Structure formats: structure tokens, C-alpha cells
Amino acid sequence: MATNVQEEAAIDLPRAAKGVLLAAAAALAGATMIAVGRVLLGLTPPTYEMKQVAILVHLATVLPAIPLGLWVLLARKGDATHRLLGRIWAGLMLTAAGSAVFIRTINHGQFSLIHLFVPLVFLALFRAIRAARMGRIAQHKRLMWTLYSAGLLLPGMFAFVPGRLLWQWLML
């Protein structure tokens, strides 16, 4: 069955907005890699969280999702490479969101406000994939940009709020 591609008024972010996203992604990925590197080198005080499987899985999926997602968003669209890398990125995001459900180191073991991003990721990813399959490319593109910025970069930045785990690993 052939997909009917309906190219709505395709959105494209202004160059300045792409630059801001690139800078935010680079800062987030860099800070996360430094924080994790400090843990691996033994430069941070040992904490219980260092051995939690959910945190390790979360970091292992988020770290590659940051540059890969940006690559998929900025590179050529619609070809087999775009679809393959997009599927890999979607898998990383699903795994990261799923693992986040089991990370409850703040808020006395209960869900916290950052957990609101979990259903956002699942819903936005479902809607974006459905839009692409229905040929609604502009909608797919909007949803993927939103998912990248609001479902990956924004919660990643919240992870560095003073007192949170990544902030401790980076600063202590």
C-alpha cells in the first residue's frame, strides 16, 4: 500500500533557532559526558545512584540520543538513512523514557515533576510516527522538533538543577 505524501506548508526553523538548539545540545551532551566521566574516574563522592541500573540505562540511551537526534533533524530527510537513524533515535528515546519511570531518587521515591516528560515522549513519538506514515510530513517535522527540544533537551537541562544527581556529579 503506497503512502500518500501530503506536503503541508512544511516548517523549517530559522537558522538562529537551529543554532540555539545546536548550542543547547552541545552544552547538555558536554556537561553530561563530563559528569559521567568524573564518576568513572572516581572524582565524585560515591553515591547509591551510581549503581542503579535504571540510571545507567537512562544515561546510556540519552547520551547518544542528543547528537543523533540533532543529526536526524538537520540532515537530509526522507531517504533510507534518515528512516534508519530516526528509528534508532526513537528506540533510544523510548528506552530513556521507560527507564525514567524507575528513577525516583528525588521526591522520597515518588514520581516528581520531571516524570511528566515520560508520557510526553511516548505520546509525541506515537503521533510523529503516525503522521509520517500518513504522509503528513510537516506535522511529523513539527512533532519531532518539539520532541527533541521539549522531550530531550529540556528535561536534560532540568537534570542539572542544583541538588539533582547530574549537578552533584558535575560540581562536587
N, C-alpha and C. Protein backbone atom coordinates (compact mmCIF):
# COMPACT_ATOMS: atom_id res chain seq x y z
N MET A 1 0.84 -1.17 0.00
CA MET A 1 0.00 0.00 0.00
C MET A 1 0.90 1.24 0.00
N ALA A 2 0.70 2.11 -0.95
CA ALA A 2 1.52 3.31 -1.06
C ALA A 2 1.01 4.38 -0.11
N THR A 3 1.94 5.11 0.46
CA THR A 3 1.60 6.20 1.35
C THR A 3 1.43 7.47 0.54
N ASN A 4 0.33 8.15 0.77
CA ASN A 4 0.06 9.40 0.09
C ASN A 4 0.75 10.52 0.87
N VAL A 5 1.76 11.12 0.28
CA VAL A 5 2.51 12.17 0.96
C VAL A 5 1.82 13.50 0.72
N GLN A 6 1.42 14.11 1.82
CA GLN A 6 0.78 15.42 1.76
C GLN A 6 1.76 16.43 2.34
N GLU A 7 2.49 17.11 1.52
CA GLU A 7 3.45 18.09 1.99
C GLU A 7 2.71 19.37 2.32
N GLU A 8 2.32 19.48 3.59
CA GLU A 8 1.66 20.69 4.05
C GLU A 8 2.69 21.80 4.00
N ALA A 9 2.32 22.97 4.41
CA ALA A 9 3.27 24.06 4.47
C ALA A 9 4.38 23.65 5.42
N ALA A 10 5.43 23.07 4.86
CA ALA A 10 6.50 22.49 5.68
C ALA A 10 7.18 23.57 6.49
N ILE A 11 7.36 23.27 7.76
CA ILE A 11 8.05 24.22 8.63
C ILE A 11 9.54 24.00 8.52
N ASP A 12 10.26 25.04 8.73
CA ASP A 12 11.70 24.95 8.83
C ASP A 12 12.12 26.00 9.83
N LEU A 13 12.88 25.57 10.80
CA LEU A 13 13.31 26.50 11.83
C LEU A 13 14.28 27.51 11.24
N PRO A 14 14.21 28.74 11.72
CA PRO A 14 15.21 29.73 11.27
C PRO A 14 16.61 29.28 11.68
N ARG A 15 17.58 29.76 10.96
CA ARG A 15 18.97 29.39 11.23
C ARG A 15 19.37 29.71 12.67
N ALA A 16 18.89 30.82 13.21
CA ALA A 16 19.22 31.19 14.59
C ALA A 16 18.66 30.18 15.59
N ALA A 17 17.42 29.70 15.35
CA ALA A 17 16.82 28.70 16.23
C ALA A 17 17.59 27.39 16.17
N LYS A 18 18.02 27.02 14.98
CA LYS A 18 18.83 25.80 14.85
C LYS A 18 20.16 25.97 15.60
N GLY A 19 20.71 27.16 15.53
CA GLY A 19 21.96 27.44 16.25
C GLY A 19 21.78 27.33 17.76
N VAL A 20 20.65 27.83 18.25
CA VAL A 20 20.36 27.74 19.69
C VAL A 20 20.22 26.29 20.09
N LEU A 21 19.48 25.51 19.29
CA LEU A 21 19.33 24.09 19.59
C LEU A 21 20.66 23.36 19.54
N LEU A 22 21.50 23.69 18.58
CA LEU A 22 22.81 23.07 18.48
C LEU A 22 23.65 23.41 19.71
N ALA A 23 23.63 24.67 20.13
CA ALA A 23 24.39 25.08 21.31
C ALA A 23 23.86 24.39 22.57
N ALA A 24 22.54 24.32 22.70
CA ALA A 24 21.95 23.65 23.87
C ALA A 24 22.29 22.17 23.88
N ALA A 25 22.21 21.53 22.72
CA ALA A 25 22.55 20.11 22.64
C ALA A 25 24.02 19.88 22.97
N ALA A 26 24.89 20.72 22.45
CA ALA A 26 26.32 20.57 22.73
C ALA A 26 26.61 20.78 24.21
N ALA A 27 25.99 21.81 24.80
CA ALA A 27 26.20 22.07 26.22
C ALA A 27 25.69 20.93 27.09
N LEU A 28 24.51 20.42 26.75
CA LEU A 28 23.93 19.33 27.52
C LEU A 28 24.76 18.05 27.38
N ALA A 29 25.12 17.70 26.16
CA ALA A 29 25.92 16.50 25.95
C ALA A 29 27.28 16.64 26.62
N GLY A 30 27.89 17.81 26.48
CA GLY A 30 29.21 18.03 27.10
C GLY A 30 29.16 17.94 28.61
N ALA A 31 28.18 18.62 29.21
CA ALA A 31 28.07 18.59 30.67
C ALA A 31 27.78 17.18 31.17
N THR A 32 26.94 16.45 30.45
CA THR A 32 26.61 15.08 30.85
C THR A 32 27.84 14.18 30.74
N MET A 33 28.59 14.32 29.65
CA MET A 33 29.79 13.49 29.49
C MET A 33 30.83 13.82 30.56
N ILE A 34 30.98 15.09 30.90
CA ILE A 34 31.93 15.46 31.95
C ILE A 34 31.47 14.88 33.29
N ALA A 35 30.19 15.00 33.60
CA ALA A 35 29.67 14.46 34.86
C ALA A 35 29.88 12.96 34.95
N VAL A 36 29.54 12.24 33.88
CA VAL A 36 29.71 10.79 33.87
C VAL A 36 31.20 10.44 33.92
N GLY A 37 32.01 11.18 33.20
CA GLY A 37 33.46 10.96 33.23
C GLY A 37 34.03 11.13 34.63
N ARG A 38 33.55 12.14 35.34
CA ARG A 38 34.02 12.36 36.72
C ARG A 38 33.66 11.17 37.60
N VAL A 39 32.47 10.59 37.38
CA VAL A 39 32.08 9.41 38.15
C VAL A 39 33.00 8.24 37.81
N LEU A 40 33.22 8.00 36.52
CA LEU A 40 34.04 6.87 36.09
C LEU A 40 35.49 6.99 36.56
N LEU A 41 35.97 8.22 36.68
CA LEU A 41 37.34 8.44 37.14
C LEU A 41 37.46 8.47 38.66
N GLY A 42 36.32 8.34 39.34
CA GLY A 42 36.34 8.36 40.80
C GLY A 42 36.53 9.74 41.40
N LEU A 43 36.18 10.78 40.66
CA LEU A 43 36.37 12.15 41.13
C LEU A 43 35.17 12.70 41.89
N THR A 44 34.14 11.91 42.05
CA THR A 44 32.95 12.34 42.78
C THR A 44 32.76 11.44 44.00
N PRO A 45 32.12 11.96 45.03
CA PRO A 45 31.84 11.10 46.18
C PRO A 45 30.94 9.94 45.75
N PRO A 46 31.20 8.73 46.24
CA PRO A 46 30.34 7.60 45.87
C PRO A 46 28.91 7.81 46.35
N THR A 47 27.98 7.48 45.49
CA THR A 47 26.56 7.60 45.84
C THR A 47 25.84 6.32 45.45
N TYR A 48 24.72 6.13 46.07
CA TYR A 48 23.86 4.98 45.78
C TYR A 48 23.44 4.96 44.32
N GLU A 49 23.19 6.13 43.75
CA GLU A 49 22.68 6.24 42.39
C GLU A 49 23.65 5.73 41.33
N MET A 50 24.95 5.72 41.65
CA MET A 50 25.95 5.28 40.67
C MET A 50 25.73 3.83 40.24
N LYS A 51 25.05 3.06 41.07
CA LYS A 51 24.87 1.64 40.79
C LYS A 51 23.45 1.27 40.40
N GLN A 52 22.59 2.25 40.26
CA GLN A 52 21.21 1.95 39.88
C GLN A 52 21.14 1.67 38.38
N VAL A 53 20.60 0.52 38.04
CA VAL A 53 20.51 0.10 36.65
C VAL A 53 19.68 1.08 35.82
N ALA A 54 18.58 1.55 36.37
CA ALA A 54 17.72 2.47 35.61
C ALA A 54 18.47 3.74 35.23
N ILE A 55 19.30 4.25 36.13
CA ILE A 55 20.07 5.46 35.84
C ILE A 55 21.12 5.16 34.77
N LEU A 56 21.77 4.02 34.88
CA LEU A 56 22.78 3.65 33.88
C LEU A 56 22.16 3.47 32.50
N VAL A 57 21.01 2.81 32.44
CA VAL A 57 20.31 2.63 31.16
C VAL A 57 19.87 3.98 30.61
N HIS A 58 19.35 4.82 31.49
CA HIS A 58 18.88 6.14 31.08
C HIS A 58 20.02 6.95 30.46
N LEU A 59 21.14 7.01 31.16
CA LEU A 59 22.28 7.76 30.64
C LEU A 59 22.83 7.15 29.36
N ALA A 60 22.86 5.82 29.30
CA ALA A 60 23.38 5.14 28.10
C ALA A 60 22.51 5.37 26.87
N THR A 61 21.25 5.70 27.07
CA THR A 61 20.38 5.96 25.92
C THR A 61 20.26 7.45 25.62
N VAL A 62 20.31 8.27 26.65
CA VAL A 62 20.19 9.72 26.44
C VAL A 62 21.43 10.30 25.79
N LEU A 63 22.60 9.85 26.24
CA LEU A 63 23.84 10.42 25.69
C LEU A 63 23.94 10.30 24.17
N PRO A 64 23.71 9.13 23.57
CA PRO A 64 23.76 9.10 22.11
C PRO A 64 22.53 9.74 21.45
N ALA A 65 21.42 9.81 22.16
CA ALA A 65 20.21 10.40 21.58
C ALA A 65 20.36 11.90 21.33
N ILE A 66 21.18 12.57 22.12
CA ILE A 66 21.34 14.02 21.94
C ILE A 66 21.96 14.35 20.58
N PRO A 67 23.16 13.85 20.27
CA PRO A 67 23.72 14.20 18.96
C PRO A 67 23.00 13.50 17.80
N LEU A 68 22.57 12.25 18.00
CA LEU A 68 21.90 11.54 16.91
C LEU A 68 20.60 12.24 16.53
N GLY A 69 19.82 12.65 17.51
CA GLY A 69 18.56 13.35 17.22
C GLY A 69 18.79 14.63 16.46
N LEU A 70 19.80 15.37 16.86
CA LEU A 70 20.10 16.62 16.17
C LEU A 70 20.54 16.35 14.73
N TRP A 71 21.34 15.30 14.55
CA TRP A 71 21.78 14.92 13.20
C TRP A 71 20.58 14.60 12.32
N VAL A 72 19.67 13.79 12.85
CA VAL A 72 18.49 13.39 12.06
C VAL A 72 17.65 14.61 11.71
N LEU A 73 17.53 15.55 12.64
CA LEU A 73 16.72 16.74 12.39
C LEU A 73 17.35 17.68 11.38
N LEU A 74 18.68 17.74 11.36
CA LEU A 74 19.34 18.71 10.49
C LEU A 74 19.79 18.14 9.15
N ALA A 75 19.95 16.84 9.06
CA ALA A 75 20.44 16.22 7.82
C ALA A 75 19.30 16.06 6.80
N ARG A 76 19.67 15.54 5.66
CA ARG A 76 18.71 15.30 4.58
C ARG A 76 17.59 14.38 5.06
N LYS A 77 16.39 14.64 4.61
CA LYS A 77 15.21 13.90 5.07
C LYS A 77 14.67 12.96 4.00
N GLY A 78 13.97 11.93 4.49
CA GLY A 78 13.18 11.08 3.62
C GLY A 78 13.87 9.87 3.02
N ASP A 79 15.19 9.83 3.08
CA ASP A 79 15.87 8.68 2.49
C ASP A 79 16.00 7.54 3.51
N ALA A 80 16.59 6.44 3.08
CA ALA A 80 16.69 5.26 3.94
C ALA A 80 17.55 5.54 5.18
N THR A 81 18.58 6.35 5.03
CA THR A 81 19.43 6.69 6.17
C THR A 81 18.64 7.47 7.22
N HIS A 82 17.84 8.43 6.77
CA HIS A 82 17.01 9.21 7.68
C HIS A 82 16.05 8.29 8.44
N ARG A 83 15.42 7.39 7.73
CA ARG A 83 14.47 6.48 8.38
C ARG A 83 15.17 5.54 9.37
N LEU A 84 16.32 5.01 9.01
CA LEU A 84 17.06 4.11 9.90
C LEU A 84 17.52 4.84 11.16
N LEU A 85 18.17 5.99 10.96
CA LEU A 85 18.65 6.75 12.12
C LEU A 85 17.49 7.25 12.97
N GLY A 86 16.38 7.60 12.32
CA GLY A 86 15.19 8.01 13.06
C GLY A 86 14.63 6.88 13.91
N ARG A 87 14.65 5.68 13.37
CA ARG A 87 14.18 4.52 14.15
C ARG A 87 15.10 4.24 15.33
N ILE A 88 16.39 4.35 15.10
CA ILE A 88 17.34 4.15 16.21
C ILE A 88 17.11 5.21 17.28
N TRP A 89 16.95 6.47 16.85
CA TRP A 89 16.71 7.55 17.81
C TRP A 89 15.40 7.32 18.57
N ALA A 90 14.37 6.90 17.88
CA ALA A 90 13.09 6.63 18.54
C ALA A 90 13.25 5.52 19.58
N GLY A 91 14.01 4.48 19.23
CA GLY A 91 14.26 3.41 20.19
C GLY A 91 15.01 3.90 21.41
N LEU A 92 16.00 4.76 21.19
CA LEU A 92 16.74 5.34 22.32
C LEU A 92 15.81 6.16 23.20
N MET A 93 14.93 6.95 22.57
CA MET A 93 14.01 7.80 23.35
C MET A 93 13.00 6.96 24.12
N LEU A 94 12.49 5.90 23.50
CA LEU A 94 11.55 5.03 24.21
C LEU A 94 12.22 4.36 25.41
N THR A 95 13.45 3.91 25.22
CA THR A 95 14.19 3.28 26.31
C THR A 95 14.49 4.29 27.41
N ALA A 96 14.90 5.50 27.02
CA ALA A 96 15.20 6.53 28.01
C ALA A 96 13.95 6.90 28.82
N ALA A 97 12.83 7.06 28.13
CA ALA A 97 11.58 7.40 28.83
C ALA A 97 11.13 6.24 29.72
N GLY A 98 11.24 5.03 29.21
CA GLY A 98 10.86 3.87 30.01
C GLY A 98 11.72 3.72 31.25
N SER A 99 13.02 3.93 31.11
CA SER A 99 13.91 3.81 32.27
C SER A 99 13.67 4.92 33.28
N ALA A 100 13.23 6.09 32.79
CA ALA A 100 12.98 7.22 33.70
C ALA A 100 11.88 6.90 34.71
N VAL A 101 10.96 6.04 34.33
CA VAL A 101 9.88 5.66 35.25
C VAL A 101 10.45 5.03 36.52
N PHE A 102 11.59 4.37 36.40
CA PHE A 102 12.19 3.66 37.53
C PHE A 102 13.22 4.51 38.29
N ILE A 103 13.44 5.73 37.84
CA ILE A 103 14.37 6.62 38.53
C ILE A 103 13.55 7.51 39.46
N ARG A 104 13.70 7.26 40.74
CA ARG A 104 12.92 8.02 41.74
C ARG A 104 13.81 8.40 42.91
N THR A 105 14.97 8.93 42.60
CA THR A 105 15.91 9.27 43.65
C THR A 105 15.55 10.57 44.37
N ILE A 106 14.71 11.37 43.76
CA ILE A 106 14.24 12.57 44.44
C ILE A 106 12.77 12.37 44.81
N ASN A 107 12.26 13.25 45.61
CA ASN A 107 10.84 13.21 45.99
C ASN A 107 10.49 11.95 46.80
N HIS A 108 11.45 11.48 47.59
CA HIS A 108 11.24 10.37 48.52
C HIS A 108 10.68 9.12 47.85
N GLY A 109 11.21 8.78 46.69
CA GLY A 109 10.81 7.56 45.99
C GLY A 109 9.53 7.67 45.19
N GLN A 110 8.93 8.84 45.16
CA GLN A 110 7.70 9.05 44.40
C GLN A 110 8.03 9.69 43.05
N PHE A 111 7.04 9.75 42.18
CA PHE A 111 7.24 10.46 40.92
C PHE A 111 7.42 11.94 41.22
N SER A 112 8.21 12.60 40.38
CA SER A 112 8.42 14.03 40.52
C SER A 112 7.92 14.73 39.25
N LEU A 113 8.02 16.03 39.24
CA LEU A 113 7.54 16.79 38.08
C LEU A 113 8.28 16.42 36.80
N ILE A 114 9.53 16.04 36.89
CA ILE A 114 10.28 15.70 35.69
C ILE A 114 9.71 14.45 35.02
N HIS A 115 8.99 13.63 35.78
CA HIS A 115 8.36 12.44 35.20
C HIS A 115 7.21 12.78 34.25
N LEU A 116 6.76 14.03 34.25
CA LEU A 116 5.72 14.44 33.30
C LEU A 116 6.23 14.36 31.85
N PHE A 117 7.56 14.36 31.69
CA PHE A 117 8.13 14.26 30.35
C PHE A 117 7.98 12.85 29.77
N VAL A 118 7.80 11.85 30.62
CA VAL A 118 7.69 10.46 30.14
C VAL A 118 6.48 10.29 29.22
N PRO A 119 5.26 10.62 29.67
CA PRO A 119 4.13 10.47 28.73
C PRO A 119 4.24 11.42 27.54
N LEU A 120 4.86 12.57 27.72
CA LEU A 120 5.06 13.49 26.60
C LEU A 120 5.88 12.82 25.51
N VAL A 121 6.94 12.13 25.90
CA VAL A 121 7.79 11.44 24.93
C VAL A 121 7.00 10.34 24.22
N PHE A 122 6.32 9.50 24.98
CA PHE A 122 5.56 8.41 24.37
C PHE A 122 4.49 8.94 23.41
N LEU A 123 3.74 9.94 23.85
CA LEU A 123 2.66 10.48 23.03
C LEU A 123 3.19 11.19 21.78
N ALA A 124 4.19 12.03 21.96
CA ALA A 124 4.73 12.78 20.81
C ALA A 124 5.36 11.83 19.80
N LEU A 125 6.06 10.81 20.28
CA LEU A 125 6.68 9.87 19.36
C LEU A 125 5.63 9.08 18.60
N PHE A 126 4.60 8.63 19.28
CA PHE A 126 3.50 7.92 18.62
C PHE A 126 2.86 8.80 17.54
N ARG A 127 2.56 10.05 17.91
CA ARG A 127 1.91 10.96 16.96
C ARG A 127 2.83 11.28 15.78
N ALA A 128 4.13 11.45 16.03
CA ALA A 128 5.08 11.78 14.96
C ALA A 128 5.22 10.62 13.97
N ILE A 129 5.31 9.41 14.50
CA ILE A 129 5.42 8.24 13.62
C ILE A 129 4.14 8.07 12.81
N ARG A 130 3.01 8.24 13.45
CA ARG A 130 1.72 8.13 12.75
C ARG A 130 1.62 9.18 11.65
N ALA A 131 2.05 10.41 11.96
CA ALA A 131 1.99 11.48 10.96
C ALA A 131 2.86 11.15 9.76
N ALA A 132 4.07 10.63 9.99
CA ALA A 132 4.96 10.27 8.88
C ALA A 132 4.35 9.17 8.03
N ARG A 133 3.77 8.17 8.69
CA ARG A 133 3.17 7.06 7.94
C ARG A 133 1.96 7.49 7.15
N MET A 134 1.27 8.53 7.61
CA MET A 134 0.10 9.04 6.89
C MET A 134 0.50 10.07 5.84
N GLY A 135 1.80 10.36 5.73
CA GLY A 135 2.26 11.32 4.75
C GLY A 135 2.14 12.77 5.18
N ARG A 136 1.88 13.00 6.43
CA ARG A 136 1.78 14.37 6.96
C ARG A 136 3.17 14.81 7.44
N ILE A 137 4.00 15.14 6.49
CA ILE A 137 5.41 15.38 6.76
C ILE A 137 5.63 16.64 7.59
N ALA A 138 4.91 17.70 7.32
CA ALA A 138 5.07 18.93 8.10
C ALA A 138 4.70 18.69 9.56
N GLN A 139 3.62 17.95 9.80
CA GLN A 139 3.22 17.63 11.17
C GLN A 139 4.29 16.75 11.82
N HIS A 140 4.79 15.77 11.09
CA HIS A 140 5.85 14.91 11.60
C HIS A 140 7.07 15.74 12.00
N LYS A 141 7.43 16.67 11.14
CA LYS A 141 8.60 17.51 11.39
C LYS A 141 8.39 18.37 12.63
N ARG A 142 7.23 18.99 12.76
CA ARG A 142 6.92 19.81 13.94
C ARG A 142 7.00 18.98 15.22
N LEU A 143 6.39 17.80 15.17
CA LEU A 143 6.38 16.94 16.35
C LEU A 143 7.79 16.48 16.73
N MET A 144 8.62 16.18 15.75
CA MET A 144 9.97 15.72 16.05
C MET A 144 10.83 16.85 16.62
N TRP A 145 10.69 18.06 16.10
CA TRP A 145 11.41 19.20 16.68
C TRP A 145 10.94 19.44 18.11
N THR A 146 9.64 19.35 18.32
CA THR A 146 9.10 19.54 19.68
C THR A 146 9.58 18.44 20.60
N LEU A 147 9.56 17.21 20.13
CA LEU A 147 10.01 16.09 20.95
C LEU A 147 11.48 16.24 21.30
N TYR A 148 12.29 16.65 20.34
CA TYR A 148 13.72 16.80 20.62
C TYR A 148 13.96 17.89 21.66
N SER A 149 13.32 19.03 21.49
CA SER A 149 13.57 20.15 22.40
C SER A 149 12.85 19.98 23.74
N ALA A 150 11.58 19.60 23.72
CA ALA A 150 10.79 19.51 24.96
C ALA A 150 10.84 18.14 25.62
N GLY A 151 11.26 17.12 24.88
CA GLY A 151 11.30 15.78 25.45
C GLY A 151 12.70 15.27 25.72
N LEU A 152 13.72 15.99 25.24
CA LEU A 152 15.09 15.56 25.46
C LEU A 152 15.94 16.68 26.06
N LEU A 153 16.01 17.82 25.38
CA LEU A 153 16.87 18.89 25.87
C LEU A 153 16.35 19.52 27.17
N LEU A 154 15.08 19.83 27.22
CA LEU A 154 14.53 20.48 28.41
C LEU A 154 14.66 19.61 29.67
N PRO A 155 14.22 18.35 29.65
CA PRO A 155 14.41 17.54 30.85
C PRO A 155 15.89 17.30 31.15
N GLY A 156 16.72 17.26 30.11
CA GLY A 156 18.15 17.11 30.34
C GLY A 156 18.72 18.29 31.09
N MET A 157 18.23 19.46 30.77
CA MET A 157 18.69 20.66 31.49
C MET A 157 18.17 20.66 32.93
N PHE A 158 16.96 20.18 33.12
CA PHE A 158 16.43 20.07 34.49
C PHE A 158 17.26 19.10 35.33
N ALA A 159 17.91 18.14 34.69
CA ALA A 159 18.74 17.17 35.42
C ALA A 159 19.97 17.83 36.04
N PHE A 160 20.29 19.05 35.60
CA PHE A 160 21.45 19.77 36.14
C PHE A 160 21.06 20.87 37.13
N VAL A 161 19.83 20.87 37.57
CA VAL A 161 19.40 21.83 38.60
C VAL A 161 20.18 21.50 39.88
N PRO A 162 20.65 22.52 40.60
CA PRO A 162 21.39 22.25 41.85
C PRO A 162 20.63 21.29 42.77
N GLY A 163 21.38 20.31 43.26
CA GLY A 163 20.80 19.30 44.12
C GLY A 163 20.47 18.01 43.40
N ARG A 164 20.27 18.07 42.09
CA ARG A 164 19.98 16.86 41.32
C ARG A 164 21.26 16.07 41.10
N LEU A 165 21.11 14.83 40.71
CA LEU A 165 22.24 13.90 40.60
C LEU A 165 23.32 14.38 39.63
N LEU A 166 22.94 14.75 38.42
CA LEU A 166 23.97 15.17 37.45
C LEU A 166 24.67 16.45 37.89
N TRP A 167 23.96 17.34 38.55
CA TRP A 167 24.59 18.55 39.09
C TRP A 167 25.64 18.15 40.13
N GLN A 168 25.29 17.21 41.01
CA GLN A 168 26.24 16.74 42.03
C GLN A 168 27.46 16.12 41.37
N TRP A 169 27.24 15.28 40.36
CA TRP A 169 28.36 14.63 39.69
C TRP A 169 29.25 15.64 38.98
N LEU A 170 28.65 16.70 38.46
CA LEU A 170 29.41 17.71 37.72
C LEU A 170 30.13 18.66 38.65
N MET A 171 29.49 19.05 39.75
CA MET A 171 30.01 20.13 40.58
C MET A 171 30.73 19.69 41.86
N LEU A 172 30.44 18.52 42.38
CA LEU A 172 31.06 18.13 43.65
C LEU A 172 32.33 17.35 43.45
